[in-house]
Amino acid sequence: MNIIKTAIDGLYIIEPRVFADARGYFFESFSQRDFDAQVAPVTFVQDNESMSSYGVMRGLHFQRPPFTQSKLVRCVRGAVLDVAVDIRKGSPTYGQHVAIELTEDNHLQFFISKGFAHGFAVLSPTAVFQYKCDEFYHPEADAGISILDDSLGIDWRIPIDKAILSEKDTRHALLRDFDSPFTY
């Protein structure tokens, strides 16, 4: 696998080696040994999958300490714009984000360390999105910042009048009103 460092420390793009021929393709989607050596030593404990239609925007989510999560995400059907925002107090990139298009064709994965808010927007008619987490889901620690916060400068590539959001995601605070539980 090819590990691509992003402009923000703690965010990595993982590009697998895809072997394709007339029968189709094969690639190794995860290797604990290679991941530990090339990205970070992480033990994933829960895998999740969601299916969404065009215009669905989920996020920007994280879990508060002591239940923080790192995530390894990918889109196995369709296409999403995946985004991680640095919410680590004292970070030189606080409030900045990395956005990457994850598709069933490019097979890219995105690793998001603890201390980031994460979300995605569905760009295709439907998308199946998978993510590995290194901490179990704890509803009492569930939190987020507003996915519609203009100050973040995220181009979600979805017209706002076409966006489909959960009620929960419309209630998160703007970054300027947010007291982050994470430090750099």
N, C-alpha and C. Protein backbone atom coordinates (compact mmCIF):
# COMPACT_ATOMS: atom_id res chain seq x y z
N MET A 1 0.84 -1.18 0.00
CA MET A 1 0.00 0.00 0.00
C MET A 1 0.88 1.24 0.00
N ASN A 2 0.37 2.27 -0.61
CA ASN A 2 1.07 3.54 -0.69
C ASN A 2 0.43 4.49 0.33
N ILE A 3 1.26 5.01 1.24
CA ILE A 3 0.77 5.93 2.28
C ILE A 3 1.08 7.35 1.83
N ILE A 4 0.04 8.17 1.77
CA ILE A 4 0.19 9.56 1.34
C ILE A 4 -0.09 10.45 2.53
N LYS A 5 0.94 11.19 2.99
CA LYS A 5 0.75 12.15 4.08
C LYS A 5 0.01 13.35 3.53
N THR A 6 -0.90 13.87 4.31
CA THR A 6 -1.64 15.07 3.91
C THR A 6 -0.96 16.31 4.50
N ALA A 7 -1.52 17.46 4.25
CA ALA A 7 -0.98 18.71 4.77
C ALA A 7 -1.20 18.85 6.28
N ILE A 8 -2.02 17.98 6.86
CA ILE A 8 -2.30 18.04 8.30
C ILE A 8 -1.80 16.77 8.96
N ASP A 9 -0.95 16.94 9.97
CA ASP A 9 -0.41 15.81 10.72
C ASP A 9 -1.54 15.01 11.36
N GLY A 10 -1.52 13.70 11.16
CA GLY A 10 -2.54 12.83 11.73
C GLY A 10 -3.59 12.37 10.74
N LEU A 11 -3.52 12.86 9.50
CA LEU A 11 -4.44 12.45 8.44
C LEU A 11 -3.64 11.83 7.30
N TYR A 12 -4.02 10.63 6.89
CA TYR A 12 -3.29 9.90 5.85
C TYR A 12 -4.26 9.32 4.83
N ILE A 13 -3.83 9.33 3.58
CA ILE A 13 -4.55 8.67 2.51
C ILE A 13 -3.83 7.36 2.23
N ILE A 14 -4.58 6.29 2.17
CA ILE A 14 -4.01 4.98 1.90
C ILE A 14 -4.48 4.52 0.53
N GLU A 15 -3.50 4.28 -0.33
CA GLU A 15 -3.79 3.84 -1.69
C GLU A 15 -3.32 2.39 -1.83
N PRO A 16 -4.25 1.47 -2.02
CA PRO A 16 -3.85 0.06 -2.12
C PRO A 16 -3.25 -0.25 -3.49
N ARG A 17 -2.50 -1.33 -3.54
CA ARG A 17 -2.02 -1.85 -4.82
C ARG A 17 -3.13 -2.74 -5.36
N VAL A 18 -3.68 -2.35 -6.49
CA VAL A 18 -4.79 -3.07 -7.09
C VAL A 18 -4.25 -3.93 -8.23
N PHE A 19 -4.58 -5.20 -8.20
CA PHE A 19 -4.19 -6.13 -9.25
C PHE A 19 -5.44 -6.43 -10.07
N ALA A 20 -5.44 -5.96 -11.33
CA ALA A 20 -6.61 -6.11 -12.18
C ALA A 20 -6.27 -6.93 -13.42
N ASP A 21 -7.22 -7.71 -13.86
CA ASP A 21 -7.10 -8.44 -15.12
C ASP A 21 -8.50 -8.65 -15.68
N ALA A 22 -8.62 -9.52 -16.67
CA ALA A 22 -9.90 -9.73 -17.33
C ALA A 22 -10.97 -10.26 -16.37
N ARG A 23 -10.57 -10.88 -15.27
CA ARG A 23 -11.52 -11.44 -14.31
C ARG A 23 -12.09 -10.40 -13.36
N GLY A 24 -11.40 -9.27 -13.21
CA GLY A 24 -11.80 -8.25 -12.24
C GLY A 24 -10.58 -7.70 -11.54
N TYR A 25 -10.64 -7.55 -10.22
CA TYR A 25 -9.49 -7.02 -9.49
C TYR A 25 -9.39 -7.69 -8.13
N PHE A 26 -8.23 -7.49 -7.52
CA PHE A 26 -7.95 -7.94 -6.16
C PHE A 26 -7.07 -6.90 -5.51
N PHE A 27 -7.34 -6.60 -4.23
CA PHE A 27 -6.40 -5.80 -3.46
C PHE A 27 -6.57 -6.13 -1.99
N GLU A 28 -5.49 -5.92 -1.26
CA GLU A 28 -5.51 -6.09 0.18
C GLU A 28 -6.04 -4.80 0.77
N SER A 29 -7.21 -4.86 1.41
CA SER A 29 -7.81 -3.63 1.92
C SER A 29 -7.26 -3.24 3.29
N PHE A 30 -6.69 -4.20 4.02
CA PHE A 30 -6.12 -3.86 5.32
C PHE A 30 -5.11 -4.91 5.73
N SER A 31 -3.98 -4.46 6.25
CA SER A 31 -2.97 -5.33 6.85
C SER A 31 -2.54 -4.67 8.15
N GLN A 32 -2.80 -5.32 9.28
CA GLN A 32 -2.41 -4.76 10.57
C GLN A 32 -0.91 -4.50 10.63
N ARG A 33 -0.12 -5.44 10.13
CA ARG A 33 1.34 -5.31 10.14
C ARG A 33 1.79 -4.06 9.36
N ASP A 34 1.30 -3.92 8.13
CA ASP A 34 1.71 -2.78 7.31
C ASP A 34 1.17 -1.46 7.87
N PHE A 35 -0.05 -1.48 8.36
CA PHE A 35 -0.65 -0.26 8.91
C PHE A 35 0.15 0.21 10.12
N ASP A 36 0.45 -0.70 11.05
CA ASP A 36 1.24 -0.34 12.23
C ASP A 36 2.59 0.23 11.86
N ALA A 37 3.24 -0.36 10.87
CA ALA A 37 4.59 0.06 10.48
C ALA A 37 4.60 1.37 9.70
N GLN A 38 3.58 1.60 8.88
CA GLN A 38 3.62 2.75 7.97
C GLN A 38 2.73 3.93 8.37
N VAL A 39 1.72 3.67 9.20
CA VAL A 39 0.80 4.76 9.58
C VAL A 39 0.89 5.00 11.08
N ALA A 40 0.34 4.09 11.86
CA ALA A 40 0.34 4.20 13.32
C ALA A 40 -0.08 2.87 13.91
N PRO A 41 0.45 2.53 15.08
CA PRO A 41 -0.03 1.30 15.72
C PRO A 41 -1.44 1.53 16.30
N VAL A 42 -2.41 0.92 15.66
CA VAL A 42 -3.81 1.08 16.03
C VAL A 42 -4.45 -0.30 16.04
N THR A 43 -5.29 -0.53 17.02
CA THR A 43 -6.08 -1.77 17.05
C THR A 43 -7.53 -1.40 16.84
N PHE A 44 -8.07 -1.81 15.72
CA PHE A 44 -9.46 -1.52 15.42
C PHE A 44 -10.35 -2.53 16.12
N VAL A 45 -11.46 -2.05 16.71
CA VAL A 45 -12.34 -2.92 17.51
C VAL A 45 -13.77 -2.97 16.97
N GLN A 46 -14.11 -2.09 16.04
CA GLN A 46 -15.49 -2.06 15.54
C GLN A 46 -15.47 -1.61 14.09
N ASP A 47 -16.20 -2.34 13.23
CA ASP A 47 -16.39 -1.96 11.84
C ASP A 47 -17.85 -1.52 11.67
N ASN A 48 -18.05 -0.43 10.93
CA ASN A 48 -19.38 0.10 10.68
C ASN A 48 -19.59 0.26 9.18
N GLU A 49 -20.84 0.25 8.76
CA GLU A 49 -21.18 0.48 7.36
C GLU A 49 -22.47 1.28 7.30
N SER A 50 -22.50 2.23 6.39
CA SER A 50 -23.74 2.98 6.15
C SER A 50 -24.04 3.00 4.66
N MET A 51 -25.31 3.10 4.33
CA MET A 51 -25.75 3.28 2.95
C MET A 51 -26.57 4.56 2.94
N SER A 52 -26.26 5.41 1.99
CA SER A 52 -26.93 6.70 1.90
C SER A 52 -27.18 7.05 0.44
N SER A 53 -28.12 7.97 0.22
CA SER A 53 -28.41 8.43 -1.13
C SER A 53 -27.78 9.81 -1.38
N TYR A 54 -27.85 10.22 -2.64
CA TYR A 54 -27.25 11.50 -3.03
C TYR A 54 -27.74 12.64 -2.12
N GLY A 55 -26.80 13.48 -1.73
CA GLY A 55 -27.13 14.66 -0.94
C GLY A 55 -27.06 14.45 0.55
N VAL A 56 -26.98 13.20 1.00
CA VAL A 56 -26.85 12.96 2.44
C VAL A 56 -25.49 13.49 2.89
N MET A 57 -25.53 14.26 3.97
CA MET A 57 -24.30 14.76 4.59
C MET A 57 -24.32 14.30 6.05
N ARG A 58 -23.26 13.62 6.46
CA ARG A 58 -23.15 13.12 7.83
C ARG A 58 -21.94 13.76 8.48
N GLY A 59 -22.12 14.25 9.72
CA GLY A 59 -20.98 14.81 10.43
C GLY A 59 -21.27 16.20 10.93
N LEU A 60 -20.29 16.81 11.36
CA LEU A 60 -18.90 16.43 11.58
C LEU A 60 -18.79 15.83 12.98
N HIS A 61 -18.54 14.54 13.07
CA HIS A 61 -18.65 13.80 14.32
C HIS A 61 -17.29 13.47 14.94
N PHE A 62 -17.33 13.26 16.25
CA PHE A 62 -16.20 12.72 17.01
C PHE A 62 -16.75 12.21 18.33
N GLN A 63 -15.91 11.49 19.08
CA GLN A 63 -16.29 11.07 20.43
C GLN A 63 -15.36 11.77 21.42
N ARG A 64 -15.98 12.28 22.50
CA ARG A 64 -15.23 12.98 23.55
C ARG A 64 -14.43 11.96 24.38
N PRO A 65 -13.31 12.44 24.97
CA PRO A 65 -12.54 11.59 25.89
C PRO A 65 -13.44 11.14 27.03
N PRO A 66 -13.22 9.97 27.56
CA PRO A 66 -12.10 9.06 27.30
C PRO A 66 -12.38 8.07 26.17
N PHE A 67 -13.39 8.33 25.35
CA PHE A 67 -13.79 7.38 24.31
C PHE A 67 -13.45 7.86 22.91
N THR A 68 -12.34 8.56 22.75
CA THR A 68 -11.93 9.09 21.46
C THR A 68 -11.72 7.96 20.45
N GLN A 69 -11.87 8.30 19.18
CA GLN A 69 -11.74 7.31 18.11
C GLN A 69 -10.82 7.78 17.00
N SER A 70 -10.02 6.85 16.50
CA SER A 70 -9.38 6.99 15.20
C SER A 70 -10.22 6.16 14.25
N LYS A 71 -10.24 6.56 12.97
CA LYS A 71 -11.07 5.86 11.99
C LYS A 71 -10.28 5.63 10.70
N LEU A 72 -10.54 4.51 10.08
CA LEU A 72 -10.05 4.22 8.74
C LEU A 72 -11.30 4.04 7.89
N VAL A 73 -11.50 4.92 6.90
CA VAL A 73 -12.76 4.93 6.15
C VAL A 73 -12.52 4.68 4.67
N ARG A 74 -13.58 4.15 4.02
CA ARG A 74 -13.54 3.94 2.58
C ARG A 74 -14.95 3.84 2.03
N CYS A 75 -15.09 4.10 0.75
CA CYS A 75 -16.37 3.99 0.06
C CYS A 75 -16.30 2.77 -0.85
N VAL A 76 -17.16 1.79 -0.62
CA VAL A 76 -17.11 0.56 -1.40
C VAL A 76 -18.12 0.55 -2.55
N ARG A 77 -19.07 1.48 -2.53
CA ARG A 77 -19.99 1.64 -3.65
C ARG A 77 -20.33 3.11 -3.77
N GLY A 78 -20.23 3.64 -4.99
CA GLY A 78 -20.55 5.04 -5.21
C GLY A 78 -19.37 5.95 -4.93
N ALA A 79 -19.69 7.17 -4.51
CA ALA A 79 -18.66 8.18 -4.27
C ALA A 79 -19.09 9.11 -3.15
N VAL A 80 -18.12 9.47 -2.31
CA VAL A 80 -18.36 10.44 -1.25
C VAL A 80 -17.22 11.44 -1.21
N LEU A 81 -17.53 12.62 -0.72
CA LEU A 81 -16.49 13.58 -0.35
C LEU A 81 -16.31 13.41 1.15
N ASP A 82 -15.13 12.97 1.56
CA ASP A 82 -14.85 12.69 2.96
C ASP A 82 -13.99 13.82 3.51
N VAL A 83 -14.31 14.28 4.72
CA VAL A 83 -13.66 15.47 5.29
C VAL A 83 -13.29 15.23 6.75
N ALA A 84 -12.09 15.67 7.12
CA ALA A 84 -11.67 15.66 8.51
C ALA A 84 -11.20 17.07 8.87
N VAL A 85 -11.67 17.57 10.02
CA VAL A 85 -11.34 18.92 10.49
C VAL A 85 -10.52 18.79 11.78
N ASP A 86 -9.39 19.48 11.83
CA ASP A 86 -8.53 19.47 13.01
C ASP A 86 -9.19 20.26 14.13
N ILE A 87 -9.49 19.59 15.24
CA ILE A 87 -10.10 20.27 16.39
C ILE A 87 -9.22 20.12 17.64
N ARG A 88 -7.90 20.00 17.43
CA ARG A 88 -6.95 19.86 18.54
C ARG A 88 -6.47 21.25 18.96
N LYS A 89 -6.82 21.66 20.19
CA LYS A 89 -6.38 22.95 20.70
C LYS A 89 -4.85 23.04 20.62
N GLY A 90 -4.35 24.17 20.16
CA GLY A 90 -2.92 24.39 20.07
C GLY A 90 -2.28 23.86 18.80
N SER A 91 -3.05 23.18 17.97
CA SER A 91 -2.51 22.65 16.72
C SER A 91 -2.28 23.81 15.74
N PRO A 92 -1.17 23.79 15.00
CA PRO A 92 -0.96 24.84 14.00
C PRO A 92 -1.97 24.78 12.86
N THR A 93 -2.70 23.67 12.75
CA THR A 93 -3.71 23.53 11.70
C THR A 93 -5.13 23.48 12.28
N TYR A 94 -5.32 23.98 13.50
CA TYR A 94 -6.64 23.98 14.13
C TYR A 94 -7.66 24.65 13.22
N GLY A 95 -8.79 23.98 13.03
CA GLY A 95 -9.86 24.52 12.19
C GLY A 95 -9.68 24.26 10.71
N GLN A 96 -8.53 23.76 10.31
CA GLN A 96 -8.30 23.44 8.90
C GLN A 96 -8.78 22.02 8.62
N HIS A 97 -8.98 21.73 7.34
CA HIS A 97 -9.50 20.42 6.97
C HIS A 97 -8.77 19.82 5.78
N VAL A 98 -8.95 18.53 5.63
CA VAL A 98 -8.55 17.81 4.43
C VAL A 98 -9.81 17.17 3.89
N ALA A 99 -10.02 17.31 2.58
CA ALA A 99 -11.16 16.70 1.90
C ALA A 99 -10.63 15.81 0.79
N ILE A 100 -11.20 14.62 0.68
CA ILE A 100 -10.77 13.68 -0.35
C ILE A 100 -11.99 12.96 -0.89
N GLU A 101 -12.01 12.75 -2.20
CA GLU A 101 -13.09 11.97 -2.78
C GLU A 101 -12.71 10.49 -2.69
N LEU A 102 -13.57 9.73 -2.05
CA LEU A 102 -13.40 8.29 -1.94
C LEU A 102 -14.45 7.64 -2.83
N THR A 103 -14.01 6.73 -3.71
CA THR A 103 -14.95 6.10 -4.63
C THR A 103 -14.71 4.60 -4.71
N GLU A 104 -15.72 3.93 -5.25
CA GLU A 104 -15.57 2.49 -5.47
C GLU A 104 -14.50 2.21 -6.52
N ASP A 105 -14.19 3.17 -7.36
CA ASP A 105 -13.19 2.96 -8.41
C ASP A 105 -11.77 3.29 -7.97
N ASN A 106 -11.59 4.31 -7.12
CA ASN A 106 -10.21 4.66 -6.74
C ASN A 106 -9.71 3.85 -5.55
N HIS A 107 -10.60 3.20 -4.81
CA HIS A 107 -10.25 2.31 -3.69
C HIS A 107 -9.44 3.00 -2.59
N LEU A 108 -9.41 4.33 -2.58
CA LEU A 108 -8.65 5.03 -1.56
C LEU A 108 -9.31 4.88 -0.20
N GLN A 109 -8.47 4.93 0.83
CA GLN A 109 -8.94 4.95 2.21
C GLN A 109 -8.36 6.19 2.88
N PHE A 110 -9.02 6.63 3.94
CA PHE A 110 -8.60 7.84 4.64
C PHE A 110 -8.50 7.48 6.12
N PHE A 111 -7.31 7.71 6.70
CA PHE A 111 -7.12 7.47 8.12
C PHE A 111 -7.21 8.79 8.86
N ILE A 112 -8.07 8.82 9.87
CA ILE A 112 -8.35 10.02 10.64
C ILE A 112 -7.98 9.73 12.09
N SER A 113 -6.95 10.39 12.59
CA SER A 113 -6.50 10.20 13.97
C SER A 113 -7.48 10.82 14.95
N LYS A 114 -7.30 10.50 16.22
CA LYS A 114 -8.08 11.13 17.28
C LYS A 114 -7.80 12.63 17.26
N GLY A 115 -8.81 13.42 17.60
CA GLY A 115 -8.64 14.87 17.61
C GLY A 115 -9.16 15.56 16.36
N PHE A 116 -9.88 14.82 15.55
CA PHE A 116 -10.46 15.37 14.33
C PHE A 116 -11.96 15.12 14.32
N ALA A 117 -12.71 16.07 13.77
CA ALA A 117 -14.12 15.88 13.50
C ALA A 117 -14.23 15.34 12.08
N HIS A 118 -15.13 14.39 11.86
CA HIS A 118 -15.20 13.69 10.58
C HIS A 118 -16.62 13.73 10.01
N GLY A 119 -16.69 13.88 8.70
CA GLY A 119 -17.98 13.83 8.03
C GLY A 119 -17.82 13.53 6.56
N PHE A 120 -18.95 13.27 5.90
CA PHE A 120 -18.90 13.02 4.45
C PHE A 120 -20.20 13.43 3.80
N ALA A 121 -20.11 13.66 2.49
CA ALA A 121 -21.27 13.99 1.66
C ALA A 121 -21.33 12.98 0.52
N VAL A 122 -22.52 12.47 0.23
CA VAL A 122 -22.70 11.49 -0.83
C VAL A 122 -22.85 12.21 -2.17
N LEU A 123 -21.96 11.88 -3.11
CA LEU A 123 -21.92 12.53 -4.41
C LEU A 123 -22.59 11.69 -5.51
N SER A 124 -22.77 10.41 -5.28
CA SER A 124 -23.34 9.49 -6.27
C SER A 124 -24.81 9.22 -5.92
N PRO A 125 -25.55 8.54 -6.80
CA PRO A 125 -26.96 8.25 -6.48
C PRO A 125 -27.12 7.52 -5.14
N THR A 126 -26.24 6.57 -4.86
CA THR A 126 -26.17 5.93 -3.55
C THR A 126 -24.70 5.66 -3.24
N ALA A 127 -24.41 5.47 -1.97
CA ALA A 127 -23.04 5.13 -1.57
C ALA A 127 -23.08 4.20 -0.37
N VAL A 128 -22.16 3.26 -0.37
CA VAL A 128 -21.96 2.40 0.78
C VAL A 128 -20.59 2.77 1.34
N PHE A 129 -20.61 3.14 2.61
CA PHE A 129 -19.42 3.71 3.27
C PHE A 129 -19.07 2.81 4.45
N GLN A 130 -17.79 2.44 4.55
CA GLN A 130 -17.33 1.58 5.65
C GLN A 130 -16.27 2.30 6.46
N TYR A 131 -16.28 2.04 7.76
CA TYR A 131 -15.22 2.58 8.59
C TYR A 131 -14.88 1.66 9.75
N LYS A 132 -13.58 1.61 10.00
CA LYS A 132 -13.03 0.85 11.11
C LYS A 132 -12.74 1.86 12.21
N CYS A 133 -13.07 1.50 13.45
CA CYS A 133 -12.85 2.40 14.59
C CYS A 133 -12.00 1.70 15.64
N ASP A 134 -11.16 2.47 16.32
CA ASP A 134 -10.31 1.88 17.37
C ASP A 134 -10.92 2.02 18.77
N GLU A 135 -12.16 2.46 18.83
CA GLU A 135 -12.91 2.52 20.10
C GLU A 135 -14.36 2.22 19.76
N PHE A 136 -15.03 1.56 20.68
CA PHE A 136 -16.44 1.26 20.48
C PHE A 136 -17.26 2.55 20.52
N TYR A 137 -18.43 2.50 19.92
CA TYR A 137 -19.35 3.63 19.96
C TYR A 137 -19.89 3.79 21.38
N HIS A 138 -19.83 5.01 21.88
CA HIS A 138 -20.37 5.36 23.20
C HIS A 138 -21.31 6.55 23.00
N PRO A 139 -22.63 6.33 23.01
CA PRO A 139 -23.57 7.42 22.74
C PRO A 139 -23.40 8.60 23.68
N GLU A 140 -23.00 8.36 24.93
CA GLU A 140 -22.82 9.45 25.88
C GLU A 140 -21.63 10.34 25.54
N ALA A 141 -20.74 9.87 24.67
CA ALA A 141 -19.56 10.64 24.28
C ALA A 141 -19.69 11.21 22.87
N ASP A 142 -20.82 10.95 22.22
CA ASP A 142 -21.05 11.40 20.85
C ASP A 142 -21.13 12.92 20.81
N ALA A 143 -20.40 13.52 19.87
CA ALA A 143 -20.38 14.99 19.76
C ALA A 143 -20.07 15.39 18.31
N GLY A 144 -20.10 16.68 18.06
CA GLY A 144 -19.79 17.15 16.71
C GLY A 144 -19.71 18.66 16.64
N ILE A 145 -19.25 19.12 15.48
CA ILE A 145 -19.30 20.54 15.14
C ILE A 145 -20.15 20.64 13.86
N SER A 146 -20.66 21.81 13.60
CA SER A 146 -21.62 21.99 12.51
C SER A 146 -21.01 21.69 11.15
N ILE A 147 -21.68 20.82 10.43
CA ILE A 147 -21.27 20.47 9.08
C ILE A 147 -21.51 21.64 8.12
N LEU A 148 -22.35 22.58 8.53
CA LEU A 148 -22.68 23.74 7.68
C LEU A 148 -21.94 25.01 8.09
N ASP A 149 -20.91 24.89 8.92
CA ASP A 149 -20.14 26.04 9.39
C ASP A 149 -19.32 26.62 8.22
N ASP A 150 -19.75 27.76 7.71
CA ASP A 150 -19.06 28.40 6.57
C ASP A 150 -17.62 28.77 6.89
N SER A 151 -17.31 29.02 8.15
CA SER A 151 -15.94 29.44 8.51
C SER A 151 -14.93 28.33 8.25
N LEU A 152 -15.38 27.08 8.11
CA LEU A 152 -14.47 25.97 7.84
C LEU A 152 -13.99 25.96 6.39
N GLY A 153 -14.72 26.62 5.51
CA GLY A 153 -14.32 26.71 4.10
C GLY A 153 -14.41 25.40 3.34
N ILE A 154 -15.32 24.53 3.74
CA ILE A 154 -15.46 23.23 3.08
C ILE A 154 -16.44 23.36 1.92
N ASP A 155 -15.99 22.95 0.73
CA ASP A 155 -16.89 22.87 -0.42
C ASP A 155 -17.40 21.43 -0.47
N TRP A 156 -18.59 21.23 0.04
CA TRP A 156 -19.17 19.89 0.12
C TRP A 156 -19.61 19.35 -1.23
N ARG A 157 -19.63 20.19 -2.25
CA ARG A 157 -20.02 19.81 -3.60
C ARG A 157 -21.48 19.34 -3.69
N ILE A 158 -22.26 19.73 -2.70
CA ILE A 158 -23.70 19.46 -2.67
C ILE A 158 -24.39 20.81 -2.46
N PRO A 159 -25.31 21.20 -3.33
CA PRO A 159 -26.04 22.45 -3.06
C PRO A 159 -26.80 22.31 -1.73
N ILE A 160 -26.75 23.35 -0.92
CA ILE A 160 -27.38 23.29 0.41
C ILE A 160 -28.86 22.93 0.32
N ASP A 161 -29.54 23.40 -0.72
CA ASP A 161 -30.97 23.07 -0.85
C ASP A 161 -31.19 21.59 -1.21
N LYS A 162 -30.14 20.88 -1.57
CA LYS A 162 -30.23 19.44 -1.87
C LYS A 162 -29.66 18.58 -0.74
N ALA A 163 -29.09 19.22 0.28
CA ALA A 163 -28.47 18.49 1.39
C ALA A 163 -29.52 17.81 2.25
N ILE A 164 -29.25 16.59 2.64
CA ILE A 164 -30.12 15.83 3.53
C ILE A 164 -29.34 15.59 4.82
N LEU A 165 -29.81 16.21 5.92
CA LEU A 165 -29.11 16.15 7.20
C LEU A 165 -30.01 15.56 8.27
N SER A 166 -29.41 14.89 9.22
CA SER A 166 -30.18 14.44 10.38
C SER A 166 -30.44 15.66 11.27
N GLU A 167 -31.47 15.57 12.08
CA GLU A 167 -31.76 16.67 13.01
C GLU A 167 -30.58 16.90 13.94
N LYS A 168 -29.98 15.81 14.41
CA LYS A 168 -28.83 15.90 15.31
C LYS A 168 -27.70 16.73 14.69
N ASP A 169 -27.43 16.49 13.39
CA ASP A 169 -26.32 17.18 12.74
C ASP A 169 -26.60 18.66 12.49
N THR A 170 -27.86 19.08 12.57
CA THR A 170 -28.18 20.50 12.40
C THR A 170 -28.02 21.27 13.71
N ARG A 171 -27.80 20.57 14.82
CA ARG A 171 -27.73 21.23 16.13
C ARG A 171 -26.31 21.41 16.67
N HIS A 172 -25.31 20.89 15.97
CA HIS A 172 -23.94 21.02 16.47
C HIS A 172 -23.48 22.48 16.43
N ALA A 173 -22.58 22.82 17.33
CA ALA A 173 -22.05 24.19 17.45
C ALA A 173 -21.14 24.53 16.28
N LEU A 174 -21.06 25.82 15.99
CA LEU A 174 -20.05 26.31 15.05
C LEU A 174 -18.68 26.21 15.71
N LEU A 175 -17.63 26.16 14.92
CA LEU A 175 -16.29 26.02 15.46
C LEU A 175 -15.97 27.16 16.44
N ARG A 176 -16.38 28.39 16.13
CA ARG A 176 -16.06 29.54 16.98
C ARG A 176 -16.72 29.44 18.37
N ASP A 177 -17.80 28.66 18.46
CA ASP A 177 -18.52 28.51 19.73
C ASP A 177 -18.21 27.18 20.42
N PHE A 178 -17.21 26.51 19.93
CA PHE A 178 -16.90 25.15 20.33
C PHE A 178 -15.70 25.14 21.26
N ASP A 179 -15.80 24.43 22.39
CA ASP A 179 -14.67 24.25 23.32
C ASP A 179 -14.16 22.83 23.16
N SER A 180 -13.09 22.68 22.41
CA SER A 180 -12.58 21.36 22.08
C SER A 180 -12.01 20.62 23.30
N PRO A 181 -12.31 19.33 23.42
CA PRO A 181 -11.74 18.53 24.49
C PRO A 181 -10.37 17.94 24.12
N PHE A 182 -9.86 18.27 22.93
CA PHE A 182 -8.60 17.72 22.45
C PHE A 182 -7.48 18.75 22.50
N THR A 183 -6.28 18.31 22.82
CA THR A 183 -5.09 19.17 22.75
C THR A 183 -4.08 18.54 21.82
N TYR A 184 -3.27 19.39 21.24
CA TYR A 184 -2.27 18.97 20.26
C TYR A 184 -1.05 18.40 20.95
